[in-house]
Protein backbone atom coordinates (compact mmCIF):
# COMPACT_ATOMS: atom_id res chain seq x y z
CA MET A 1 -0.02 -0.15 0.35
CA LYS A 2 1.40 3.25 -0.91
CA ILE A 3 0.81 6.01 1.94
CA SER A 4 2.36 9.51 1.32
CA SER A 5 1.68 12.95 2.79
CA LYS A 6 0.76 15.78 0.21
CA GLY A 7 1.33 18.68 2.03
CA LEU A 8 0.21 19.36 5.73
CA HIS A 9 -3.31 18.45 5.10
CA SER A 10 -3.68 15.61 2.79
CA ILE A 11 -2.65 12.07 2.71
CA ASP A 12 -2.54 9.74 -0.41
CA PHE A 13 -3.75 6.19 1.03
CA GLY A 14 -3.59 3.74 -1.73
CA THR A 15 -5.87 5.04 -4.50
CA HIS A 16 -7.90 7.55 -1.91
CA ARG A 17 -7.04 10.91 -0.84
CA ILE A 18 -7.90 11.80 2.78
CA ASP A 19 -8.32 15.55 3.32
CA LEU A 20 -6.99 16.83 6.70
CA GLY A 21 -7.92 20.55 6.06
CA ALA A 22 -10.54 20.67 8.72
CA ILE A 23 -7.88 19.35 11.28
CA GLU A 24 -6.59 22.74 12.38
CA GLN A 25 -4.26 21.37 15.19
CA LEU A 26 -1.88 19.82 12.80
CA ILE A 27 1.04 21.78 12.54
CA ASN A 28 3.92 19.71 11.04
CA LEU A 29 4.29 17.65 8.01
CA SER A 30 5.98 14.83 10.24
CA GLN A 31 2.51 14.51 11.83
CA THR A 32 0.91 14.06 8.54
CA ARG A 33 3.26 11.30 7.59
CA ALA A 34 2.81 9.54 11.04
CA ILE A 35 -0.71 9.68 10.81
CA GLY A 36 -0.94 8.22 7.48
CA ASP A 37 1.32 5.34 8.57
CA ALA A 38 -0.91 4.97 12.04
CA ILE A 39 -4.06 4.57 10.01
CA HIS A 40 -2.14 1.58 7.93
CA TYR A 41 -0.94 0.17 11.18
CA ALA A 42 -4.12 0.35 12.77
CA ALA A 43 -5.69 -2.07 10.42
CA ARG A 44 -4.50 -5.04 12.47
CA TYR A 45 -6.83 -4.08 15.14
CA MET A 46 -9.51 -3.34 12.73
CA ASP A 47 -12.27 -6.35 13.39
CA SER A 48 -15.98 -6.38 13.89
CA LYS A 49 -15.59 -6.44 17.65
CA ARG A 50 -13.61 -3.03 18.45
CA THR A 51 -14.84 0.44 18.21
CA LEU A 52 -12.85 3.27 16.69
CA LYS A 53 -12.20 4.31 20.22
CA ASP A 54 -10.72 1.00 21.10
CA ILE A 55 -8.53 0.96 17.99
CA ILE A 56 -6.99 4.13 18.49
CA ASP A 57 -6.45 3.38 22.38
CA ALA A 58 -4.63 0.36 21.11
CA VAL A 59 -2.59 2.03 18.53
CA LYS A 60 -1.50 4.83 20.78
CA GLN A 61 -0.59 2.43 23.59
CA ASP A 62 1.83 0.59 21.05
CA ILE A 63 3.19 4.18 20.40
CA GLU A 64 3.60 4.53 23.93
CA ASP A 65 5.28 1.46 24.87
CA ARG A 66 7.52 0.70 21.69
CA GLY A 67 8.24 4.25 20.26
CA LEU A 68 6.39 6.46 16.98
CA ASN A 69 8.50 4.42 14.66
CA ILE A 70 6.46 1.24 15.23
CA VAL A 71 3.76 2.61 12.86
CA GLY A 72 6.17 2.32 10.06
CA SER A 73 7.45 -0.67 7.96
CA ARG A 74 10.99 1.15 8.52
CA LEU A 75 12.68 3.35 10.80
CA ALA A 76 11.59 6.79 9.51
CA GLY A 77 12.92 9.24 11.76
CA ASP A 78 11.03 12.13 10.21
CA TYR A 79 7.63 11.42 12.22
CA ALA A 80 5.78 13.88 14.90
CA PHE A 81 3.53 12.70 17.75
CA PHE A 82 -0.30 13.24 17.05
CA ARG A 83 -3.15 13.10 19.18
CA LYS A 84 -5.81 10.47 19.31
CA HIS A 85 -8.37 12.87 17.80
CA GLU A 86 -6.29 13.73 14.96
CA LEU A 87 -5.76 9.89 14.11
CA ALA A 88 -9.61 9.40 14.58
CA SER A 89 -10.49 12.05 12.45
CA ALA A 90 -8.03 11.17 9.66
CA ILE A 91 -9.64 7.53 9.73
CA ASN A 92 -13.39 8.99 9.44
CA ARG A 93 -12.19 10.95 6.66
CA LEU A 94 -11.11 7.96 4.47
CA ARG A 95 -14.04 7.30 2.24
CA SER A 96 -13.05 3.75 1.41
CA LEU A 97 -13.75 2.74 5.06
CA SER A 98 -16.56 0.53 5.87
CA VAL A 99 -17.77 0.29 9.47
CA ASN A 100 -20.50 -1.43 11.53
CA GLN A 101 -22.89 0.36 13.93
CA LYS A 102 -23.26 -1.47 17.09
CA ARG A 103 -26.50 -1.60 18.85
């Protein structure tokens, strides 16, 4: 999967573009890079049992335990920390995402 940041407020995620223009708290392109890779990393927690909050919490816990480079496939050195809200907002903006609503 090709993931690349296109400026501060846009991520190309495979064949889809994620518009992060409404996320005003992003201040560094390194955050955008980290969020793009974190979305791909989060897929390991996406199943029909976990909520978005559970997925975000698991990713952030992995980052706290093992460092920010855990989200990438290689040691990047050009990531910056992001908040849970920013990751959740980016995932919510991924148009190819399919979710199930819990009752």
